[in-house]
């Protein structure tokens, strides 16, 4: 049996590949469990960054609907349980990881696959890739954090347009709209994604961790609360070995050797 997830360990970062290319890497329960395990293992073994991508011609087509076909079930599927047990924990895990998660969208990202990408910290996409909020085609709502991320990244008008129409959003327009960080030529995607992930992993990952936490907290903080949070995080960063190393390297005109501490 083919592994639904491939894991490549590098010096201080991990590359995780969704590996059901014959199904456009659509999710079944086995792939959910394997992906969560791979991310938790990256966390527990001290990885300093993760790159997530897909095998074959697509990134992820969302849920494998063959596993949730009402015509093959004796009662309607409980999709709420699917979200609670699989998709929601996955989004929470990615958002809580204390290192950067880069997503390289190598082809179509549809439904939960599109919103899995948006849960990551930095999203790169091949020019041939598209993002599709395909839920309305089967009478569903955007899940996997989609109905939360889309209006925050794009505004209500564009979020509703994408959700209601299920129109494909090309990678370049996704960049232009601010949905993703960058669209790249197909042949450059993985080289640049791996270079970025390796760079993050060798960078000041304590500061990156706190930057991630601060930016995510801004969605619910008041300004006063957030200014206090910034002061607390800056105190932590200022006392770190990475800050001392960064300043020394700057003054000595050399490349810093960050340890993430």
C-alpha atoms as a PDB file:
ATOM      1  CA  UNK A   1       0.000   0.000   0.000  1.00  0.00           C
ATOM      2  CA  UNK A   2       1.293   3.450  -0.902  1.00  0.00           C
ATOM      3  CA  UNK A   3       1.974   5.756   2.019  1.00  0.00           C
ATOM      4  CA  UNK A   4      -0.585   8.600   1.990  1.00  0.00           C
ATOM      5  CA  UNK A   5       2.056  10.989   3.344  1.00  0.00           C
ATOM      6  CA  UNK A   6       5.755  11.183   2.427  1.00  0.00           C
ATOM      7  CA  UNK A   7       8.196  12.719   4.902  1.00  0.00           C
ATOM      8  CA  UNK A   8      11.683  13.913   3.974  1.00  0.00           C
ATOM      9  CA  UNK A   9      13.866  14.957   6.899  1.00  0.00           C
ATOM     10  CA  UNK A  10      16.481  17.585   6.168  1.00  0.00           C
ATOM     11  CA  UNK A  11      19.107  19.069   8.466  1.00  0.00           C
ATOM     12  CA  UNK A  12      16.706  21.145  10.555  1.00  0.00           C
ATOM     13  CA  UNK A  13      13.446  21.147   8.595  1.00  0.00           C
ATOM     14  CA  UNK A  14      10.926  18.632   7.289  1.00  0.00           C
ATOM     15  CA  UNK A  15       9.270  18.310   3.874  1.00  0.00           C
ATOM     16  CA  UNK A  16       5.822  16.680   3.987  1.00  0.00           C
ATOM     17  CA  UNK A  17       4.103  15.594   0.764  1.00  0.00           C
ATOM     18  CA  UNK A  18       0.443  14.643   0.397  1.00  0.00           C
ATOM     19  CA  UNK A  19       0.693  11.410  -1.545  1.00  0.00           C
ATOM     20  CA  UNK A  20      -2.574  10.256  -3.111  1.00  0.00           C
ATOM     21  CA  UNK A  21      -1.870  11.647  -6.599  1.00  0.00           C
ATOM     22  CA  UNK A  22      -4.365   9.313  -8.280  1.00  0.00           C
ATOM     23  CA  UNK A  23      -7.075  11.103  -6.226  1.00  0.00           C
ATOM     24  CA  UNK A  24      -5.515  14.574  -6.514  1.00  0.00           C
ATOM     25  CA  UNK A  25      -4.355  14.081  -2.919  1.00  0.00           C
ATOM     26  CA  UNK A  26      -7.917  14.240  -1.604  1.00  0.00           C
ATOM     27  CA  UNK A  27      -8.296  13.416   2.066  1.00  0.00           C
ATOM     28  CA  UNK A  28      -9.407  10.126   3.497  1.00  0.00           C
ATOM     29  CA  UNK A  29      -9.160   9.236   7.185  1.00  0.00           C
ATOM     30  CA  UNK A  30      -5.822   7.484   6.714  1.00  0.00           C
ATOM     31  CA  UNK A  31      -4.215  10.556   5.142  1.00  0.00           C
ATOM     32  CA  UNK A  32      -5.619  12.797   7.880  1.00  0.00           C
ATOM     33  CA  UNK A  33      -4.085  10.631  10.588  1.00  0.00           C
ATOM     34  CA  UNK A  34      -0.739  10.361   8.773  1.00  0.00           C
ATOM     35  CA  UNK A  35      -0.498  14.113   8.132  1.00  0.00           C
ATOM     36  CA  UNK A  36      -1.286  14.998  11.727  1.00  0.00           C
ATOM     37  CA  UNK A  37       1.276  12.442  12.914  1.00  0.00           C
ATOM     38  CA  UNK A  38       3.935  13.878  10.598  1.00  0.00           C
ATOM     39  CA  UNK A  39       3.324  17.423  11.841  1.00  0.00           C
ATOM     40  CA  UNK A  40       3.336  16.346  15.481  1.00  0.00           C
ATOM     41  CA  UNK A  41       6.550  14.399  14.907  1.00  0.00           C
ATOM     42  CA  UNK A  42       8.163  17.467  13.332  1.00  0.00           C
ATOM     43  CA  UNK A  43       7.193  19.442  16.426  1.00  0.00           C
ATOM     44  CA  UNK A  44       8.341  16.801  18.884  1.00  0.00           C
ATOM     45  CA  UNK A  45      11.703  16.138  17.215  1.00  0.00           C
ATOM     46  CA  UNK A  46      12.753  19.788  17.141  1.00  0.00           C
ATOM     47  CA  UNK A  47      12.269  20.723  13.494  1.00  0.00           C
ATOM     48  CA  UNK A  48      12.596  24.467  12.947  1.00  0.00           C
ATOM     49  CA  UNK A  49      10.380  24.681   9.845  1.00  0.00           C
ATOM     50  CA  UNK A  50       8.067  22.539   7.701  1.00  0.00           C
ATOM     51  CA  UNK A  51       7.305  22.562   3.983  1.00  0.00           C
ATOM     52  CA  UNK A  52       3.955  21.092   2.894  1.00  0.00           C
ATOM     53  CA  UNK A  53       3.253  20.209  -0.750  1.00  0.00           C
ATOM     54  CA  UNK A  54       1.449  17.649  -2.912  1.00  0.00           C
ATOM     55  CA  UNK A  55       2.504  14.801  -5.179  1.00  0.00           C
ATOM     56  CA  UNK A  56       1.578  14.712  -8.858  1.00  0.00           C
ATOM     57  CA  UNK A  57      -0.398  17.372 -10.710  1.00  0.00           C
ATOM     58  CA  UNK A  58      -2.433  18.712  -7.805  1.00  0.00           C
ATOM     59  CA  UNK A  59      -1.925  19.978  -4.284  1.00  0.00           C
ATOM     60  CA  UNK A  60      -5.145  18.722  -2.693  1.00  0.00           C
ATOM     61  CA  UNK A  61      -8.714  18.337  -3.956  1.00  0.00           C
ATOM     62  CA  UNK A  62     -10.196  18.428  -0.447  1.00  0.00           C
ATOM     63  CA  UNK A  63     -12.267  15.598   0.981  1.00  0.00           C
ATOM     64  CA  UNK A  64     -12.500  12.356  -0.981  1.00  0.00           C
ATOM     65  CA  UNK A  65     -16.263  12.410  -1.543  1.00  0.00           C
ATOM     66  CA  UNK A  66     -16.297   8.698  -2.233  1.00  0.00           C
ATOM     67  CA  UNK A  67     -15.941   8.252   1.523  1.00  0.00           C
ATOM     68  CA  UNK A  68     -18.918  10.532   2.237  1.00  0.00           C
ATOM     69  CA  UNK A  69     -21.350   9.496  -0.549  1.00  0.00           C
ATOM     70  CA  UNK A  70     -24.910   9.547   0.892  1.00  0.00           C
ATOM     71  CA  UNK A  71     -26.089   7.042  -1.741  1.00  0.00           C
ATOM     72  CA  UNK A  72     -23.762   4.436  -0.229  1.00  0.00           C
ATOM     73  CA  UNK A  73     -24.755   5.090   3.391  1.00  0.00           C
ATOM     74  CA  UNK A  74     -27.797   4.014   5.363  1.00  0.00           C
ATOM     75  CA  UNK A  75     -28.023   7.402   7.120  1.00  0.00           C
ATOM     76  CA  UNK A  76     -26.773  10.882   6.132  1.00  0.00           C
ATOM     77  CA  UNK A  77     -23.075  11.409   6.904  1.00  0.00           C
ATOM     78  CA  UNK A  78     -22.262  13.475   9.986  1.00  0.00           C
ATOM     79  CA  UNK A  79     -19.982  16.034   8.353  1.00  0.00           C
ATOM     80  CA  UNK A  80     -19.826  17.999  11.580  1.00  0.00           C
ATOM     81  CA  UNK A  81     -18.031  15.082  13.182  1.00  0.00           C
ATOM     82  CA  UNK A  82     -15.633  14.934  10.234  1.00  0.00           C
ATOM     83  CA  UNK A  83     -14.786  18.618  10.730  1.00  0.00           C
ATOM     84  CA  UNK A  84     -14.438  18.292  14.507  1.00  0.00           C
ATOM     85  CA  UNK A  85     -12.332  15.123  14.405  1.00  0.00           C
ATOM     86  CA  UNK A  86     -10.122  15.818  11.403  1.00  0.00           C
ATOM     87  CA  UNK A  87     -10.128  19.246   9.734  1.00  0.00           C
ATOM     88  CA  UNK A  88     -10.441  21.506  12.773  1.00  0.00           C
ATOM     89  CA  UNK A  89      -7.660  19.762  14.740  1.00  0.00           C
ATOM     90  CA  UNK A  90      -5.411  19.961  11.677  1.00  0.00           C
ATOM     91  CA  UNK A  91      -5.896  23.715  11.325  1.00  0.00           C
ATOM     92  CA  UNK A  92      -5.411  24.237  15.060  1.00  0.00           C
ATOM     93  CA  UNK A  93      -2.201  22.192  14.965  1.00  0.00           C
ATOM     94  CA  UNK A  94      -0.699  24.142  12.056  1.00  0.00           C
ATOM     95  CA  UNK A  95      -1.576  27.466  13.662  1.00  0.00           C
ATOM     96  CA  UNK A  96      -0.101  26.363  16.996  1.00  0.00           C
ATOM     97  CA  UNK A  97       3.195  24.995  15.674  1.00  0.00           C
ATOM     98  CA  UNK A  98       6.040  27.099  17.025  1.00  0.00           C
ATOM     99  CA  UNK A  99       7.872  27.361  13.707  1.00  0.00           C
ATOM    100  CA  UNK A 100       7.050  28.513  10.164  1.00  0.00           C
ATOM    101  CA  UNK A 101       4.940  26.252   7.968  1.00  0.00           C
ATOM    102  CA  UNK A 102       5.459  26.946   4.263  1.00  0.00           C
ATOM    103  CA  UNK A 103       2.970  25.598   1.726  1.00  0.00           C
ATOM    104  CA  UNK A 104       3.964  24.999  -1.906  1.00  0.00           C
ATOM    105  CA  UNK A 105       0.752  24.685  -3.934  1.00  0.00           C
ATOM    106  CA  UNK A 106       1.872  22.745  -6.984  1.00  0.00           C
ATOM    107  CA  UNK A 107      -1.523  22.441  -8.709  1.00  0.00           C
ATOM    108  CA  UNK A 108      -5.218  22.648  -7.987  1.00  0.00           C
ATOM    109  CA  UNK A 109      -6.161  23.361  -4.365  1.00  0.00           C
ATOM    110  CA  UNK A 110      -9.883  22.824  -3.980  1.00  0.00           C
ATOM    111  CA  UNK A 111     -12.265  22.778  -1.045  1.00  0.00           C
ATOM    112  CA  UNK A 112     -10.501  21.759   2.139  1.00  0.00           C
ATOM    113  CA  UNK A 113      -7.277  21.597   0.132  1.00  0.00           C
ATOM    114  CA  UNK A 114      -7.449  25.320  -0.611  1.00  0.00           C
ATOM    115  CA  UNK A 115      -8.154  26.141   3.006  1.00  0.00           C
ATOM    116  CA  UNK A 116      -5.459  23.811   4.298  1.00  0.00           C
ATOM    117  CA  UNK A 117      -3.007  25.928   2.316  1.00  0.00           C
ATOM    118  CA  UNK A 118      -4.428  29.136   3.800  1.00  0.00           C
ATOM    119  CA  UNK A 119      -3.887  27.775   7.316  1.00  0.00           C
ATOM    120  CA  UNK A 120      -0.134  27.710   6.656  1.00  0.00           C
ATOM    121  CA  UNK A 121       2.103  30.662   7.432  1.00  0.00           C
ATOM    122  CA  UNK A 122       3.526  31.392   3.966  1.00  0.00           C
ATOM    123  CA  UNK A 123       1.882  30.147   0.769  1.00  0.00           C
ATOM    124  CA  UNK A 124       3.728  29.884  -2.544  1.00  0.00           C
ATOM    125  CA  UNK A 125       1.895  28.659  -5.641  1.00  0.00           C
ATOM    126  CA  UNK A 126       2.831  27.599  -9.140  1.00  0.00           C
ATOM    127  CA  UNK A 127       1.451  29.849 -11.874  1.00  0.00           C
ATOM    128  CA  UNK A 128      -0.603  26.880 -13.099  1.00  0.00           C
ATOM    129  CA  UNK A 129      -2.220  26.387  -9.677  1.00  0.00           C
ATOM    130  CA  UNK A 130      -5.764  27.454  -8.853  1.00  0.00           C
ATOM    131  CA  UNK A 131      -7.668  27.901  -5.603  1.00  0.00           C
ATOM    132  CA  UNK A 132     -11.296  26.767  -5.658  1.00  0.00           C
ATOM    133  CA  UNK A 133     -13.859  27.123  -2.873  1.00  0.00           C
ATOM    134  CA  UNK A 134     -15.760  24.192  -4.332  1.00  0.00           C
ATOM    135  CA  UNK A 135     -18.099  23.647  -1.371  1.00  0.00           C
ATOM    136  CA  UNK A 136     -21.148  25.332  -2.908  1.00  0.00           C
ATOM    137  CA  UNK A 137     -21.107  22.798  -5.754  1.00  0.00           C
ATOM    138  CA  UNK A 138     -22.161  20.130  -3.271  1.00  0.00           C
ATOM    139  CA  UNK A 139     -24.260  22.291  -0.959  1.00  0.00           C
ATOM    140  CA  UNK A 140     -21.654  22.880   1.769  1.00  0.00           C
ATOM    141  CA  UNK A 141     -19.915  25.793   3.456  1.00  0.00           C
ATOM    142  CA  UNK A 142     -16.174  26.574   3.344  1.00  0.00           C
ATOM    143  CA  UNK A 143     -14.610  24.562   6.162  1.00  0.00           C
ATOM    144  CA  UNK A 144     -11.019  23.897   7.291  1.00  0.00           C
ATOM    145  CA  UNK A 145     -10.967  27.504   8.469  1.00  0.00           C
ATOM    146  CA  UNK A 146     -11.989  28.860   5.072  1.00  0.00           C
ATOM    147  CA  UNK A 147     -14.929  30.916   6.269  1.00  0.00           C
ATOM    148  CA  UNK A 148     -12.580  32.484   8.852  1.00  0.00           C
ATOM    149  CA  UNK A 149      -9.495  33.081   6.690  1.00  0.00           C
ATOM    150  CA  UNK A 150     -11.175  34.276   3.491  1.00  0.00           C
ATOM    151  CA  UNK A 151     -12.897  37.416   4.827  1.00  0.00           C
ATOM    152  CA  UNK A 152      -9.819  38.339   6.874  1.00  0.00           C
ATOM    153  CA  UNK A 153      -7.489  38.005   3.910  1.00  0.00           C
ATOM    154  CA  UNK A 154      -9.780  39.266   1.146  1.00  0.00           C
ATOM    155  CA  UNK A 155     -12.738  41.094   2.701  1.00  0.00           C
ATOM    156  CA  UNK A 156     -16.366  40.020   2.826  1.00  0.00           C
ATOM    157  CA  UNK A 157     -17.238  40.774  -0.806  1.00  0.00           C
ATOM    158  CA  UNK A 158     -14.505  38.632  -2.340  1.00  0.00           C
ATOM    159  CA  UNK A 159     -14.938  35.908   0.280  1.00  0.00           C
ATOM    160  CA  UNK A 160     -18.640  35.598  -0.517  1.00  0.00           C
ATOM    161  CA  UNK A 161     -17.992  35.724  -4.260  1.00  0.00           C
ATOM    162  CA  UNK A 162     -15.512  32.876  -4.109  1.00  0.00           C
ATOM    163  CA  UNK A 163     -17.707  30.836  -1.748  1.00  0.00           C
ATOM    164  CA  UNK A 164     -20.971  31.321  -3.654  1.00  0.00           C
ATOM    165  CA  UNK A 165     -19.647  30.894  -7.217  1.00  0.00           C
ATOM    166  CA  UNK A 166     -16.895  28.300  -6.665  1.00  0.00           C
ATOM    167  CA  UNK A 167     -14.994  30.010  -9.465  1.00  0.00           C
ATOM    168  CA  UNK A 168     -11.303  29.035  -9.739  1.00  0.00           C
ATOM    169  CA  UNK A 169      -8.916  31.738  -8.560  1.00  0.00           C
ATOM    170  CA  UNK A 170      -5.627  31.607 -10.508  1.00  0.00           C
ATOM    171  CA  UNK A 171      -2.418  31.752  -8.504  1.00  0.00           C
ATOM    172  CA  UNK A 172      -1.348  35.136  -9.852  1.00  0.00           C
ATOM    173  CA  UNK A 173      -4.680  36.717  -8.961  1.00  0.00           C
ATOM    174  CA  UNK A 174      -4.470  35.058  -5.531  1.00  0.00           C
ATOM    175  CA  UNK A 175      -1.154  36.869  -5.049  1.00  0.00           C
ATOM    176  CA  UNK A 176      -2.533  40.142  -6.407  1.00  0.00           C
ATOM    177  CA  UNK A 177      -5.485  39.929  -3.994  1.00  0.00           C
ATOM    178  CA  UNK A 178      -3.262  39.149  -1.014  1.00  0.00           C
ATOM    179  CA  UNK A 179      -4.566  35.627  -0.495  1.00  0.00           C
ATOM    180  CA  UNK A 180      -1.082  34.093  -0.813  1.00  0.00           C
ATOM    181  CA  UNK A 181       2.472  35.350  -0.529  1.00  0.00           C
ATOM    182  CA  UNK A 182       3.740  34.694  -4.058  1.00  0.00           C
ATOM    183  CA  UNK A 183       2.958  33.011  -7.404  1.00  0.00           C
ATOM    184  CA  UNK A 184       5.976  31.502  -9.143  1.00  0.00           C
ATOM    185  CA  UNK A 185       6.813  29.835 -12.457  1.00  0.00           C
ATOM    186  CA  UNK A 186       6.027  26.143 -12.150  1.00  0.00           C
ATOM    187  CA  UNK A 187       9.630  25.106 -12.681  1.00  0.00           C
ATOM    188  CA  UNK A 188      10.834  27.384  -9.857  1.00  0.00           C
ATOM    189  CA  UNK A 189       8.230  26.530  -7.226  1.00  0.00           C
ATOM    190  CA  UNK A 190       9.879  23.708  -5.323  1.00  0.00           C
ATOM    191  CA  UNK A 191      13.398  25.124  -5.472  1.00  0.00           C
ATOM    192  CA  UNK A 192      12.237  28.434  -4.053  1.00  0.00           C
ATOM    193  CA  UNK A 193       9.931  26.789  -1.507  1.00  0.00           C
ATOM    194  CA  UNK A 194      12.728  24.543  -0.237  1.00  0.00           C
ATOM    195  CA  UNK A 195      15.157  27.456  -0.131  1.00  0.00           C
ATOM    196  CA  UNK A 196      12.683  29.565   1.835  1.00  0.00           C
ATOM    197  CA  UNK A 197      11.940  26.769   4.310  1.00  0.00           C
ATOM    198  CA  UNK A 198      15.631  26.041   4.837  1.00  0.00           C
ATOM    199  CA  UNK A 199      16.235  29.760   5.338  1.00  0.00           C
ATOM    200  CA  UNK A 200      13.528  29.977   7.979  1.00  0.00           C
ATOM    201  CA  UNK A 201      14.899  26.880   9.725  1.00  0.00           C
ATOM    202  CA  UNK A 202      18.356  28.475   9.944  1.00  0.00           C
ATOM    203  CA  UNK A 203      16.946  31.819  10.995  1.00  0.00           C
ATOM    204  CA  UNK A 204      15.999  33.346  14.349  1.00  0.00           C
ATOM    205  CA  UNK A 205      13.202  30.886  14.974  1.00  0.00           C
ATOM    206  CA  UNK A 206      12.429  32.188  18.457  1.00  0.00           C
ATOM    207  CA  UNK A 207      11.606  35.551  16.890  1.00  0.00           C
ATOM    208  CA  UNK A 208       9.724  33.887  14.041  1.00  0.00           C
ATOM    209  CA  UNK A 209       7.695  31.859  16.544  1.00  0.00           C
ATOM    210  CA  UNK A 210       6.712  34.946  18.490  1.00  0.00           C
ATOM    211  CA  UNK A 211       6.015  36.898  15.285  1.00  0.00           C
ATOM    212  CA  UNK A 212       3.631  34.132  14.214  1.00  0.00           C
ATOM    213  CA  UNK A 213       1.919  34.169  17.593  1.00  0.00           C
ATOM    214  CA  UNK A 214       1.611  37.966  17.653  1.00  0.00           C
ATOM    215  CA  UNK A 215       0.187  38.240  14.148  1.00  0.00           C
ATOM    216  CA  UNK A 216      -2.357  35.497  14.830  1.00  0.00           C
ATOM    217  CA  UNK A 217      -3.379  37.092  18.135  1.00  0.00           C
ATOM    218  CA  UNK A 218      -4.116  40.387  16.373  1.00  0.00           C
ATOM    219  CA  UNK A 219      -7.372  38.952  14.996  1.00  0.00           C
ATOM    220  CA  UNK A 220      -8.957  39.060  18.455  1.00  0.00           C
ATOM    221  CA  UNK A 221      -6.808  41.450  20.531  1.00  0.00           C
ATOM    222  CA  UNK A 222      -7.668  45.042  21.304  1.00  0.00           C
ATOM    223  CA  UNK A 223      -4.942  47.519  20.387  1.00  0.00           C
ATOM    224  CA  UNK A 224      -4.102  48.119  24.058  1.00  0.00           C
ATOM    225  CA  UNK A 225      -3.827  44.412  24.751  1.00  0.00           C
ATOM    226  CA  UNK A 226      -1.743  43.884  21.655  1.00  0.00           C
ATOM    227  CA  UNK A 227       0.707  46.643  22.530  1.00  0.00           C
ATOM    228  CA  UNK A 228       1.260  44.906  25.867  1.00  0.00           C
ATOM    229  CA  UNK A 229       1.766  41.597  24.065  1.00  0.00           C
ATOM    230  CA  UNK A 230       4.358  43.216  21.776  1.00  0.00           C
ATOM    231  CA  UNK A 231       6.244  44.579  24.774  1.00  0.00           C
ATOM    232  CA  UNK A 232       6.288  41.149  26.431  1.00  0.00           C
ATOM    233  CA  UNK A 233       7.445  39.402  23.277  1.00  0.00           C
ATOM    234  CA  UNK A 234      10.110  42.029  22.625  1.00  0.00           C
ATOM    235  CA  UNK A 235      11.434  41.505  26.153  1.00  0.00           C
ATOM    236  CA  UNK A 236      11.739  37.787  25.440  1.00  0.00           C
ATOM    237  CA  UNK A 237      13.449  38.397  22.106  1.00  0.00           C
ATOM    238  CA  UNK A 238      15.783  41.010  23.543  1.00  0.00           C
ATOM    239  CA  UNK A 239      17.014  38.538  26.161  1.00  0.00           C
ATOM    240  CA  UNK A 240      17.636  35.805  23.580  1.00  0.00           C
ATOM    241  CA  UNK A 241      20.930  34.509  22.228  1.00  0.00           C
ATOM    242  CA  UNK A 242      19.593  35.076  18.709  1.00  0.00           C
ATOM    243  CA  UNK A 243      19.212  38.817  19.308  1.00  0.00           C
ATOM    244  CA  UNK A 244      22.746  39.069  20.673  1.00  0.00           C
ATOM    245  CA  UNK A 245      24.044  37.073  17.707  1.00  0.00           C
ATOM    246  CA  UNK A 246      22.064  39.143  15.204  1.00  0.00           C
ATOM    247  CA  UNK A 247      23.373  42.439  16.538  1.00  0.00           C
ATOM    248  CA  UNK A 248      26.948  41.150  16.700  1.00  0.00           C
ATOM    249  CA  UNK A 249      26.741  39.830  13.138  1.00  0.00           C
ATOM    250  CA  UNK A 250      25.303  43.131  11.904  1.00  0.00           C
ATOM    251  CA  UNK A 251      28.038  45.186  13.560  1.00  0.00           C
ATOM    252  CA  UNK A 252      30.764  42.773  12.427  1.00  0.00           C
ATOM    253  CA  UNK A 253      29.339  42.621   8.884  1.00  0.00           C
ATOM    254  CA  UNK A 254      29.059  38.822   8.836  1.00  0.00           C
ATOM    255  CA  UNK A 255      26.327  36.255   8.409  1.00  0.00           C
ATOM    256  CA  UNK A 256      24.560  35.440  11.710  1.00  0.00           C
ATOM    257  CA  UNK A 257      24.508  31.913  13.082  1.00  0.00           C
ATOM    258  CA  UNK A 258      21.081  31.720  14.720  1.00  0.00           C
ATOM    259  CA  UNK A 259      20.208  28.864  17.053  1.00  0.00           C
ATOM    260  CA  UNK A 260      16.525  29.598  17.636  1.00  0.00           C
ATOM    261  CA  UNK A 261      17.199  30.388  21.305  1.00  0.00           C
END
